[in-house]
Amino acid sequence: MEQQLAKIIAATPKAPPKTPAAITKALAGVRFKAATSGLEAAPKTGVSTQELFAAVYANPDDDAPRAALADFLQERGDPRGQFIALQLAPNQAETKAEQLELLRKHQRAWLGAFASHLTYLAYPSVSPTDPALKQPTSIELWWHRGFPAAALIEFTKPKFIALAGRAEWNTLVRVRGFHRLDASLPDDALSTFFGNLGAARVLDGLSVRQLELASRVKPLAARVRALTFDVRNDDPNLVRAALSAFTSLERLAIHFTEAEDVSIVSKVRFEGLRFLSLTGRHSNLALTVERTDGRWTPVGSLSERSAAELGKLPIELAR
């Protein structure tokens, strides 16, 4: 195990990305009580849990650092190790009750400073697969492979700035609640946050400003599979440019709260897109189409308005 730990630690970046000056300045006025579970050093082996957690955050798609951390913590009687091991096991569905019992006892300690800003803590999911695939709005907090993989976030400005640079964001696959963020958040904080979403595949509820900042983080934009954002009176060219950066989209949903211009999706790479939804707050625009075997079909009936807008899109419905 020592050799395995050393190999994982050696592959982990030694220093985090440089924190923008705006965040550094804001941190001086914000203080949080740090979580203590799983953070003590282990001098006998020369390896610390901080290093092992860092390896997980630096390699969020790899199970090896998680398994090494689970073994390490279990040897020290830390229940987090047992929880991670249960979630990594092939029969994890059979241990759902045991996993949930551990979460009820330790979830807040494991989340640390994030606990107050992730909603629905009383209803976490430990499903082997993302529960949102079948029940899109029923489960917001999903623990997968021993760490939070989906969350509905809710932050005020100073608290978000203080936590935007934390590596813990890297395990999240699905993030919702962007509309709950303070509208005056500095771009540096948002950019740092998006840069820490090292495993994210789903971003839900962004504003166009947030979309544009996320699009600048090229690894994130290339990884995202599902995207939902709101358009007000935003510059269509800005929206098109930002949207074109998300080259791996499979699902796209746009809600127009003010001006409605469906042409903003004209530059979307439709090769991989399988689901498209366009809705309008002040009209009867409700256009949803799916693609199966290369053929687009409407989901539900199309209003006259929606059918007219469909004609402006670079897709052709199956006949």
Protein backbone atom coordinates (compact mmCIF):
# COMPACT_ATOMS: atom_id res chain seq x y z
CA MET A 1 0.00 0.00 0.00
CA GLU A 2 2.90 2.35 0.75
CA GLN A 3 4.11 2.08 -2.85
CA GLN A 4 0.60 2.71 -4.18
CA LEU A 5 0.18 5.79 -1.99
CA ALA A 6 3.57 7.15 -2.99
CA LYS A 7 2.77 6.71 -6.69
CA ILE A 8 -0.56 8.52 -6.34
CA ILE A 9 0.93 11.35 -4.31
CA ALA A 10 3.78 11.76 -6.83
CA ALA A 11 1.26 12.16 -9.67
CA THR A 12 -0.67 14.86 -7.83
CA PRO A 13 0.14 18.51 -8.64
CA LYS A 14 2.25 20.00 -5.85
CA ALA A 15 0.68 23.44 -5.96
CA PRO A 16 -2.85 24.62 -6.72
CA PRO A 17 -3.51 27.15 -9.49
CA LYS A 18 -2.71 30.73 -8.55
CA THR A 19 -5.66 32.39 -6.84
CA PRO A 20 -6.78 35.68 -8.45
CA ALA A 21 -6.01 38.83 -6.49
CA ALA A 22 -9.70 39.69 -6.05
CA ILE A 23 -10.33 36.42 -4.23
CA THR A 24 -7.19 36.71 -2.12
CA LYS A 25 -8.28 40.16 -0.99
CA ALA A 26 -11.83 39.01 -0.23
CA LEU A 27 -10.58 36.03 1.77
CA ALA A 28 -8.97 38.38 4.26
CA GLY A 29 -12.41 39.37 5.51
CA VAL A 30 -14.09 35.95 5.48
CA ARG A 31 -13.45 33.13 7.94
CA PHE A 32 -14.84 29.62 8.13
CA LYS A 33 -14.36 26.87 10.65
CA ALA A 34 -12.48 24.14 8.82
CA ALA A 35 -13.72 20.57 8.82
CA THR A 36 -11.56 18.32 10.96
CA SER A 37 -12.67 14.85 9.85
CA GLY A 38 -9.98 13.07 7.87
CA LEU A 39 -7.46 15.94 7.91
CA GLU A 40 -4.92 14.78 10.48
CA ALA A 41 -1.44 13.79 9.40
CA ALA A 42 -0.10 10.25 9.66
CA PRO A 43 3.57 10.74 10.55
CA LYS A 44 4.34 7.02 10.82
CA THR A 45 3.90 6.54 7.08
CA GLY A 46 4.97 9.99 5.92
CA VAL A 47 1.63 10.37 4.12
CA SER A 48 -1.13 12.69 5.21
CA THR A 49 -4.84 12.55 4.49
CA GLN A 50 -4.54 16.06 3.05
CA GLU A 51 -2.30 14.65 0.33
CA LEU A 52 -4.62 11.74 -0.35
CA PHE A 53 -7.69 13.99 -0.56
CA ALA A 54 -5.71 16.27 -2.89
CA ALA A 55 -4.97 13.26 -5.11
CA VAL A 56 -8.70 12.52 -5.35
CA TYR A 57 -9.50 16.12 -6.28
CA ALA A 58 -6.69 16.23 -8.84
CA ASN A 59 -7.90 13.00 -10.48
CA PRO A 60 -11.71 13.07 -10.09
CA ASP A 61 -12.39 10.48 -12.80
CA ASP A 62 -9.96 7.92 -11.37
CA ASP A 63 -11.04 5.43 -8.70
CA ALA A 64 -7.49 4.52 -7.65
CA PRO A 65 -6.90 7.59 -5.42
CA ARG A 66 -10.32 7.07 -3.83
CA ALA A 67 -9.59 3.42 -3.12
CA ALA A 68 -6.20 4.29 -1.60
CA LEU A 69 -7.83 6.95 0.57
CA ALA A 70 -10.54 4.49 1.67
CA ASP A 71 -7.92 1.94 2.76
CA PHE A 72 -5.89 4.61 4.54
CA LEU A 73 -8.87 5.96 6.48
CA GLN A 74 -10.24 2.54 7.37
CA GLU A 75 -6.92 1.56 8.88
CA ARG A 76 -7.32 4.56 11.18
CA GLY A 77 -10.94 3.83 12.09
CA ASP A 78 -12.33 6.82 10.15
CA PRO A 79 -15.92 6.07 8.98
CA ARG A 80 -15.32 8.08 5.80
CA GLY A 81 -13.04 5.26 4.66
CA GLN A 82 -15.81 2.71 5.13
CA PHE A 83 -18.25 4.94 3.23
CA ILE A 84 -15.90 5.40 0.26
CA ALA A 85 -15.19 1.66 0.17
CA LEU A 86 -18.91 0.83 0.19
CA GLN A 87 -19.54 3.23 -2.68
CA LEU A 88 -16.69 1.81 -4.74
CA ALA A 89 -17.75 -1.81 -4.20
CA PRO A 90 -19.46 -3.70 -7.07
CA ASN A 91 -22.45 -4.51 -4.83
CA GLN A 92 -22.98 -0.94 -3.63
CA ALA A 93 -26.72 -1.04 -4.33
CA GLU A 94 -27.03 -3.77 -1.69
CA THR A 95 -25.46 -1.55 0.98
CA LYS A 96 -27.66 1.49 0.40
CA ALA A 97 -29.08 1.46 3.97
CA GLU A 98 -25.58 1.27 5.47
CA GLN A 99 -24.35 4.12 3.28
CA LEU A 100 -27.29 6.33 4.21
CA GLU A 101 -26.77 5.62 7.90
CA LEU A 102 -23.16 6.78 7.63
CA LEU A 103 -24.27 9.91 5.76
CA ARG A 104 -26.86 10.81 8.37
CA LYS A 105 -24.18 10.66 11.07
CA HIS A 106 -21.26 12.27 9.28
CA GLN A 107 -22.43 14.18 6.20
CA ARG A 108 -22.13 17.67 7.64
CA ALA A 109 -18.65 17.00 8.98
CA TRP A 110 -17.55 15.58 5.63
CA LEU A 111 -18.92 18.59 3.75
CA GLY A 112 -17.27 21.01 6.17
CA ALA A 113 -17.57 24.63 5.04
CA PHE A 114 -19.81 23.60 2.15
CA ALA A 115 -22.57 22.11 4.31
CA SER A 116 -24.48 25.38 4.75
CA HIS A 117 -24.51 26.07 1.01
CA LEU A 118 -25.69 22.77 -0.47
CA THR A 119 -29.44 22.33 -0.16
CA TYR A 120 -31.55 19.21 0.50
CA LEU A 121 -28.97 17.77 2.91
CA ALA A 122 -31.73 15.71 4.52
CA TYR A 123 -32.42 13.88 1.24
CA PRO A 124 -29.11 12.70 -0.21
CA SER A 125 -28.94 9.98 -2.82
CA VAL A 126 -26.43 7.13 -2.86
CA SER A 127 -27.71 5.65 -6.11
CA PRO A 128 -25.08 3.90 -8.29
CA THR A 129 -26.23 6.13 -11.16
CA ASP A 130 -27.29 9.76 -11.23
CA PRO A 131 -30.92 9.85 -10.00
CA ALA A 132 -31.56 12.92 -12.18
CA LEU A 133 -31.48 10.69 -15.26
CA LYS A 134 -34.95 9.43 -14.36
CA GLN A 135 -36.15 12.01 -11.82
CA PRO A 136 -34.68 15.37 -12.91
CA THR A 137 -35.86 17.46 -9.93
CA SER A 138 -36.28 14.96 -7.12
CA ILE A 139 -32.68 14.56 -5.88
CA GLU A 140 -30.25 17.45 -5.64
CA LEU A 141 -27.46 16.04 -3.44
CA TRP A 142 -25.92 12.88 -4.85
CA TRP A 143 -22.98 11.06 -3.26
CA HIS A 144 -21.11 8.86 -5.72
CA ARG A 145 -17.80 7.01 -5.33
CA GLY A 146 -17.49 8.43 -1.82
CA PHE A 147 -17.80 12.14 -2.63
CA PRO A 148 -20.52 14.64 -3.60
CA ALA A 149 -21.20 14.25 -7.32
CA ALA A 150 -24.23 16.53 -7.69
CA ALA A 151 -25.41 19.54 -5.75
CA LEU A 152 -27.83 22.44 -5.71
CA ILE A 153 -25.74 25.39 -4.54
CA GLU A 154 -26.86 28.53 -2.73
CA PHE A 155 -24.31 31.21 -1.82
CA THR A 156 -24.11 34.82 -0.81
CA LYS A 157 -21.30 36.87 -2.30
CA PRO A 158 -18.64 36.77 0.44
CA LYS A 159 -19.10 33.09 1.18
CA PHE A 160 -18.92 32.11 -2.49
CA ILE A 161 -15.76 34.18 -2.96
CA ALA A 162 -14.19 32.44 0.04
CA LEU A 163 -14.94 28.96 -1.27
CA ALA A 164 -14.65 29.42 -5.04
CA GLY A 165 -11.04 28.27 -5.07
CA ARG A 166 -11.52 25.10 -3.03
CA ALA A 167 -10.52 21.84 -4.71
CA GLU A 168 -13.58 20.02 -3.32
CA TRP A 169 -15.63 21.26 -6.28
CA ASN A 170 -13.70 18.86 -8.51
CA THR A 171 -15.81 15.81 -7.68
CA LEU A 172 -19.11 17.38 -8.80
CA VAL A 173 -20.53 15.93 -12.00
CA ARG A 174 -23.77 17.91 -11.93
CA VAL A 175 -24.17 21.46 -10.60
CA ARG A 176 -27.45 23.34 -10.28
CA GLY A 177 -28.49 26.60 -8.63
CA PHE A 178 -26.49 29.18 -10.54
CA HIS A 179 -29.53 31.46 -10.43
CA ARG A 180 -29.16 31.45 -6.62
CA LEU A 181 -25.73 33.07 -6.80
CA ASP A 182 -25.32 36.78 -6.08
CA ALA A 183 -25.57 38.69 -9.37
CA SER A 184 -22.67 40.94 -8.36
CA LEU A 185 -20.11 38.16 -7.95
CA PRO A 186 -16.74 39.20 -9.41
CA ASP A 187 -15.65 37.51 -12.62
CA ASP A 188 -12.47 36.27 -10.91
CA ALA A 189 -14.47 34.30 -8.38
CA LEU A 190 -16.73 32.74 -11.01
CA SER A 191 -13.80 31.92 -13.29
CA THR A 192 -11.93 30.28 -10.42
CA PHE A 193 -15.03 28.28 -9.52
CA PHE A 194 -15.53 27.06 -13.09
CA GLY A 195 -11.86 26.14 -13.25
CA ASN A 196 -12.34 23.87 -10.23
CA LEU A 197 -15.19 21.86 -11.78
CA GLY A 198 -12.82 19.14 -12.86
CA ALA A 199 -15.46 16.44 -13.41
CA ALA A 200 -18.56 18.48 -14.30
CA ARG A 201 -20.76 17.18 -17.11
CA VAL A 202 -24.00 19.06 -16.33
CA LEU A 203 -24.41 22.81 -15.67
CA ASP A 204 -27.96 23.92 -14.98
CA GLY A 205 -29.48 27.40 -14.70
CA LEU A 206 -26.63 29.67 -15.80
CA SER A 207 -27.04 33.28 -16.81
CA VAL A 208 -25.44 34.37 -20.09
CA ARG A 209 -22.64 36.04 -18.13
CA GLN A 210 -21.93 32.81 -16.27
CA LEU A 211 -22.17 30.88 -19.54
CA GLU A 212 -19.60 33.17 -21.15
CA LEU A 213 -17.16 32.80 -18.24
CA ALA A 214 -17.59 29.02 -18.21
CA SER A 215 -16.94 28.89 -21.96
CA ARG A 216 -13.48 30.38 -21.39
CA VAL A 217 -12.48 27.36 -19.30
CA LYS A 218 -11.70 25.13 -22.26
CA PRO A 219 -11.45 21.77 -20.43
CA LEU A 220 -14.84 22.41 -18.82
CA ALA A 221 -16.49 23.56 -22.04
CA ALA A 222 -15.18 20.51 -23.88
CA ARG A 223 -16.44 18.17 -21.14
CA VAL A 224 -19.98 19.46 -20.50
CA ARG A 225 -22.69 17.22 -21.93
CA ALA A 226 -25.83 18.99 -20.68
CA LEU A 227 -26.38 22.71 -20.40
CA THR A 228 -29.29 24.90 -19.30
CA PHE A 229 -29.18 28.69 -19.32
CA ASP A 230 -31.42 31.76 -19.31
CA VAL A 231 -31.40 34.55 -21.89
CA ARG A 232 -32.67 38.04 -21.14
CA ASN A 233 -31.76 41.01 -23.31
CA ASP A 234 -28.31 39.62 -23.98
CA ASP A 235 -26.23 40.22 -27.07
CA PRO A 236 -27.02 37.33 -29.46
CA ASN A 237 -23.47 37.35 -30.81
CA LEU A 238 -22.09 36.96 -27.29
CA VAL A 239 -24.41 34.04 -26.65
CA ARG A 240 -23.49 32.35 -29.95
CA ALA A 241 -19.78 32.74 -29.29
CA ALA A 242 -20.06 31.30 -25.78
CA LEU A 243 -22.31 28.47 -26.84
CA SER A 244 -20.02 27.42 -29.69
CA ALA A 245 -17.30 26.57 -27.16
CA PHE A 246 -19.39 23.69 -25.74
CA THR A 247 -18.50 21.19 -28.44
CA SER A 248 -19.64 18.00 -26.68
CA LEU A 249 -23.23 18.93 -25.89
CA GLU A 250 -25.83 16.19 -25.89
CA ARG A 251 -28.63 18.14 -24.16
CA LEU A 252 -29.32 21.86 -24.46
CA ALA A 253 -32.16 23.83 -22.87
CA ILE A 254 -32.56 27.61 -23.24
CA HIS A 255 -35.20 29.69 -21.47
CA PHE A 256 -35.92 33.16 -22.86
CA THR A 257 -37.06 35.46 -20.07
CA GLU A 258 -37.09 38.61 -22.22
CA ALA A 259 -36.14 38.86 -25.90
CA GLU A 260 -36.59 35.63 -27.84
CA ASP A 261 -34.18 34.89 -30.65
CA VAL A 262 -33.81 31.20 -31.41
CA SER A 263 -31.10 31.96 -33.96
CA ILE A 264 -28.59 32.07 -31.10
CA VAL A 265 -28.32 28.26 -31.39
CA SER A 266 -27.44 28.43 -35.09
CA LYS A 267 -23.78 27.72 -34.37
CA VAL A 268 -24.35 24.77 -32.05
CA ARG A 269 -22.58 21.64 -33.22
CA PHE A 270 -25.64 19.48 -33.69
CA GLU A 271 -23.65 16.33 -34.50
CA GLY A 272 -23.73 15.13 -30.89
CA LEU A 273 -26.87 16.91 -29.69
CA ARG A 274 -29.74 14.59 -28.81
CA PHE A 275 -32.13 16.91 -26.96
CA LEU A 276 -33.02 20.56 -27.58
CA SER A 277 -35.54 22.63 -25.63
CA LEU A 278 -36.41 26.28 -26.21
CA THR A 279 -39.01 27.95 -23.99
CA GLY A 280 -40.23 31.54 -23.63
CA ARG A 281 -41.52 33.23 -20.51
CA HIS A 282 -43.73 35.79 -22.26
CA SER A 283 -44.97 33.73 -25.19
CA ASN A 284 -46.19 30.28 -26.04
CA LEU A 285 -42.76 29.23 -27.26
CA ALA A 286 -42.33 25.64 -26.08
CA LEU A 287 -40.16 23.83 -28.56
CA THR A 288 -38.65 20.49 -27.54
CA VAL A 289 -37.17 17.97 -29.96
CA GLU A 290 -35.15 14.77 -29.55
CA ARG A 291 -32.90 12.93 -31.95
CA THR A 292 -32.87 9.16 -32.18
CA ASP A 293 -30.91 7.28 -34.83
CA GLY A 294 -30.10 10.56 -36.53
CA ARG A 295 -33.74 11.66 -36.85
CA TRP A 296 -35.28 14.60 -34.97
CA THR A 297 -38.81 14.26 -33.60
CA PRO A 298 -40.94 16.66 -31.51
CA VAL A 299 -41.58 15.91 -27.85
CA GLY A 300 -45.28 16.60 -27.44
CA SER A 301 -47.25 18.82 -29.80
CA LEU A 302 -45.81 22.00 -31.31
CA SER A 303 -47.72 25.27 -31.16
CA GLU A 304 -47.92 27.33 -34.33
CA ARG A 305 -45.33 29.69 -32.86
CA SER A 306 -42.97 26.85 -32.00
CA ALA A 307 -43.33 25.26 -35.43
CA ALA A 308 -42.45 28.60 -37.05
CA GLU A 309 -39.36 29.00 -34.87
CA LEU A 310 -38.29 25.45 -35.63
CA GLY A 311 -37.93 26.44 -39.26
CA LYS A 312 -35.13 28.84 -38.28
CA LEU A 313 -32.98 26.07 -36.81
CA PRO A 314 -30.41 24.01 -38.74
CA ILE A 315 -32.24 20.74 -38.05
CA GLU A 316 -34.76 18.76 -40.01
CA LEU A 317 -37.56 16.79 -38.39
CA ALA A 318 -38.16 13.19 -39.31
CA ARG A 319 -41.06 12.81 -41.70
